[in-house]
Amino acid sequence: MVAAVACLALSGPALSADNDISLDGSQLGLAWAILFVGILLSIALLPLLAPSFWHHHFGKVSAFWALAFIVPFAFTHASGIVASEMAHAILLDYVPLSFS
């Protein structure tokens, strides 16, 4: 919940359709792909190679790879868009919405 509030506080103003600010994935270099491959290999290989370590630390390993991408990406690209997308993902995917 703290992360969601922090993301909302850091997010910039909402962008209208007239703004031409977007993230073009085709402009990203190989370093960004290496981070993605790193998390995929961690998810695929660590449960087989180090099951005890993976069972106890999978959240930390995933958080490491996520932060290894998010922090430099926010500094080198449009940080407002990054914060907005993070808040969107956290609120829709991780915060349960039950009104019953």
C-alpha atoms as a PDB file:
ATOM      1  CA  MET A   1       0.000   0.000   0.000  1.00  0.00           C
ATOM      2  CA  VAL A   2       2.915   2.312   0.758  1.00  0.00           C
ATOM      3  CA  ALA A   3       4.323   1.672  -2.736  1.00  0.00           C
ATOM      4  CA  ALA A   4       0.989   2.528  -4.325  1.00  0.00           C
ATOM      5  CA  VAL A   5       0.751   5.793  -2.408  1.00  0.00           C
ATOM      6  CA  ALA A   6       4.356   6.651  -3.273  1.00  0.00           C
ATOM      7  CA  CYS A   7       3.734   5.974  -6.959  1.00  0.00           C
ATOM      8  CA  LEU A   8       0.649   8.165  -6.939  1.00  0.00           C
ATOM      9  CA  ALA A   9       2.535  10.955  -5.190  1.00  0.00           C
ATOM     10  CA  LEU A  10       5.366  10.780  -7.732  1.00  0.00           C
ATOM     11  CA  SER A  11       3.197  10.553 -10.803  1.00  0.00           C
ATOM     12  CA  GLY A  12       2.880  13.576 -12.988  1.00  0.00           C
ATOM     13  CA  PRO A  13      -0.251  15.153 -14.391  1.00  0.00           C
ATOM     14  CA  ALA A  14      -2.465  13.047 -16.590  1.00  0.00           C
ATOM     15  CA  LEU A  15      -1.527  13.189 -20.255  1.00  0.00           C
ATOM     16  CA  SER A  16      -4.113  14.072 -22.826  1.00  0.00           C
ATOM     17  CA  ALA A  17      -4.327  12.608 -26.313  1.00  0.00           C
ATOM     18  CA  ASP A  18      -2.746  15.798 -27.659  1.00  0.00           C
ATOM     19  CA  ASN A  19       0.540  15.229 -25.820  1.00  0.00           C
ATOM     20  CA  ASP A  20       3.148  13.390 -27.848  1.00  0.00           C
ATOM     21  CA  ILE A  21       4.914  11.812 -24.876  1.00  0.00           C
ATOM     22  CA  SER A  22       5.165   8.079 -25.224  1.00  0.00           C
ATOM     23  CA  LEU A  23       7.610   5.282 -24.697  1.00  0.00           C
ATOM     24  CA  ASP A  24       8.752   3.561 -27.858  1.00  0.00           C
ATOM     25  CA  GLY A  25      10.116   0.122 -27.056  1.00  0.00           C
ATOM     26  CA  SER A  26      11.924  -0.103 -30.378  1.00  0.00           C
ATOM     27  CA  GLN A  27      14.272   2.665 -29.213  1.00  0.00           C
ATOM     28  CA  LEU A  28      15.475   0.718 -26.159  1.00  0.00           C
ATOM     29  CA  GLY A  29      18.934  -0.819 -26.283  1.00  0.00           C
ATOM     30  CA  LEU A  30      20.274  -4.275 -25.477  1.00  0.00           C
ATOM     31  CA  ALA A  31      20.874  -3.454 -21.792  1.00  0.00           C
ATOM     32  CA  TRP A  32      17.118  -3.244 -21.179  1.00  0.00           C
ATOM     33  CA  ALA A  33      16.613  -6.650 -22.800  1.00  0.00           C
ATOM     34  CA  ILE A  34      19.333  -8.179 -20.608  1.00  0.00           C
ATOM     35  CA  LEU A  35      17.338  -7.197 -17.514  1.00  0.00           C
ATOM     36  CA  PHE A  36      14.251  -8.912 -18.925  1.00  0.00           C
ATOM     37  CA  VAL A  37      16.225 -12.040 -19.782  1.00  0.00           C
ATOM     38  CA  GLY A  38      17.705 -11.978 -16.278  1.00  0.00           C
ATOM     39  CA  ILE A  39      14.331 -12.209 -14.573  1.00  0.00           C
ATOM     40  CA  LEU A  40      13.150 -14.880 -17.004  1.00  0.00           C
ATOM     41  CA  LEU A  41      16.242 -17.000 -16.350  1.00  0.00           C
ATOM     42  CA  SER A  42      15.850 -16.491 -12.607  1.00  0.00           C
ATOM     43  CA  ILE A  43      12.260 -17.689 -12.726  1.00  0.00           C
ATOM     44  CA  ALA A  44      13.153 -20.653 -14.935  1.00  0.00           C
ATOM     45  CA  LEU A  45      16.450 -21.829 -13.449  1.00  0.00           C
ATOM     46  CA  LEU A  46      16.600 -20.915  -9.761  1.00  0.00           C
ATOM     47  CA  PRO A  47      13.736 -23.234  -8.712  1.00  0.00           C
ATOM     48  CA  LEU A  48      15.665 -26.090 -10.338  1.00  0.00           C
ATOM     49  CA  LEU A  49      19.214 -25.165  -9.340  1.00  0.00           C
ATOM     50  CA  ALA A  50      18.624 -23.706  -5.863  1.00  0.00           C
ATOM     51  CA  PRO A  51      15.109 -24.669  -4.727  1.00  0.00           C
ATOM     52  CA  SER A  52      15.603 -23.791  -1.065  1.00  0.00           C
ATOM     53  CA  PHE A  53      17.034 -20.359  -1.899  1.00  0.00           C
ATOM     54  CA  TRP A  54      14.265 -19.700  -4.431  1.00  0.00           C
ATOM     55  CA  HIS A  55      11.510 -20.748  -2.035  1.00  0.00           C
ATOM     56  CA  HIS A  56      12.715 -18.330   0.638  1.00  0.00           C
ATOM     57  CA  HIS A  57      13.829 -15.420  -1.551  1.00  0.00           C
ATOM     58  CA  PHE A  58      11.798 -15.409  -4.789  1.00  0.00           C
ATOM     59  CA  GLY A  59      10.147 -12.112  -3.875  1.00  0.00           C
ATOM     60  CA  LYS A  60      13.515 -10.469  -3.257  1.00  0.00           C
ATOM     61  CA  VAL A  61      14.953 -11.812  -6.518  1.00  0.00           C
ATOM     62  CA  SER A  62      11.933 -10.532  -8.452  1.00  0.00           C
ATOM     63  CA  ALA A  63      12.078  -7.167  -6.679  1.00  0.00           C
ATOM     64  CA  PHE A  64      15.796  -6.901  -7.523  1.00  0.00           C
ATOM     65  CA  TRP A  65      15.172  -7.399 -11.236  1.00  0.00           C
ATOM     66  CA  ALA A  66      12.162  -5.065 -11.206  1.00  0.00           C
ATOM     67  CA  LEU A  67      14.112  -2.295  -9.460  1.00  0.00           C
ATOM     68  CA  ALA A  68      17.137  -2.909 -11.690  1.00  0.00           C
ATOM     69  CA  PHE A  69      14.856  -1.953 -14.576  1.00  0.00           C
ATOM     70  CA  ILE A  70      12.563   0.670 -13.047  1.00  0.00           C
ATOM     71  CA  VAL A  71      15.076   2.923 -11.281  1.00  0.00           C
ATOM     72  CA  PRO A  72      17.464   3.562 -14.220  1.00  0.00           C
ATOM     73  CA  PHE A  73      14.550   3.675 -16.650  1.00  0.00           C
ATOM     74  CA  ALA A  74      12.787   6.359 -14.617  1.00  0.00           C
ATOM     75  CA  PHE A  75      15.972   8.458 -14.502  1.00  0.00           C
ATOM     76  CA  THR A  76      16.734   8.148 -18.219  1.00  0.00           C
ATOM     77  CA  HIS A  77      13.214   8.344 -19.631  1.00  0.00           C
ATOM     78  CA  ALA A  78       9.968  10.112 -18.818  1.00  0.00           C
ATOM     79  CA  SER A  79       9.739   9.519 -15.064  1.00  0.00           C
ATOM     80  CA  GLY A  80       6.156  10.804 -14.932  1.00  0.00           C
ATOM     81  CA  ILE A  81       5.024   8.113 -17.335  1.00  0.00           C
ATOM     82  CA  VAL A  82       6.965   5.446 -15.434  1.00  0.00           C
ATOM     83  CA  ALA A  83       5.409   6.472 -12.103  1.00  0.00           C
ATOM     84  CA  SER A  84       1.956   6.640 -13.650  1.00  0.00           C
ATOM     85  CA  GLU A  85       2.257   3.172 -15.178  1.00  0.00           C
ATOM     86  CA  MET A  86       3.625   1.730 -11.927  1.00  0.00           C
ATOM     87  CA  ALA A  87       0.732   3.185  -9.947  1.00  0.00           C
ATOM     88  CA  HIS A  88      -1.698   1.854 -12.542  1.00  0.00           C
ATOM     89  CA  ALA A  89      -0.230  -1.677 -12.366  1.00  0.00           C
ATOM     90  CA  ILE A  90      -0.005  -1.729  -8.568  1.00  0.00           C
ATOM     91  CA  LEU A  91      -3.528  -0.468  -8.012  1.00  0.00           C
ATOM     92  CA  LEU A  92      -5.158  -2.697 -10.616  1.00  0.00           C
ATOM     93  CA  ASP A  93      -3.103  -5.858 -10.125  1.00  0.00           C
ATOM     94  CA  TYR A  94      -2.084  -5.954  -6.478  1.00  0.00           C
ATOM     95  CA  VAL A  95      -4.628  -3.997  -4.444  1.00  0.00           C
ATOM     96  CA  PRO A  96      -7.750  -6.077  -3.927  1.00  0.00           C
ATOM     97  CA  LEU A  97     -10.958  -4.258  -4.704  1.00  0.00           C
ATOM     98  CA  SER A  98     -13.838  -5.892  -2.931  1.00  0.00           C
ATOM     99  CA  PHE A  99     -16.846  -3.828  -2.065  1.00  0.00           C
ATOM    100  CA  SER A 100     -18.929  -6.569  -0.500  1.00  0.00           C
END
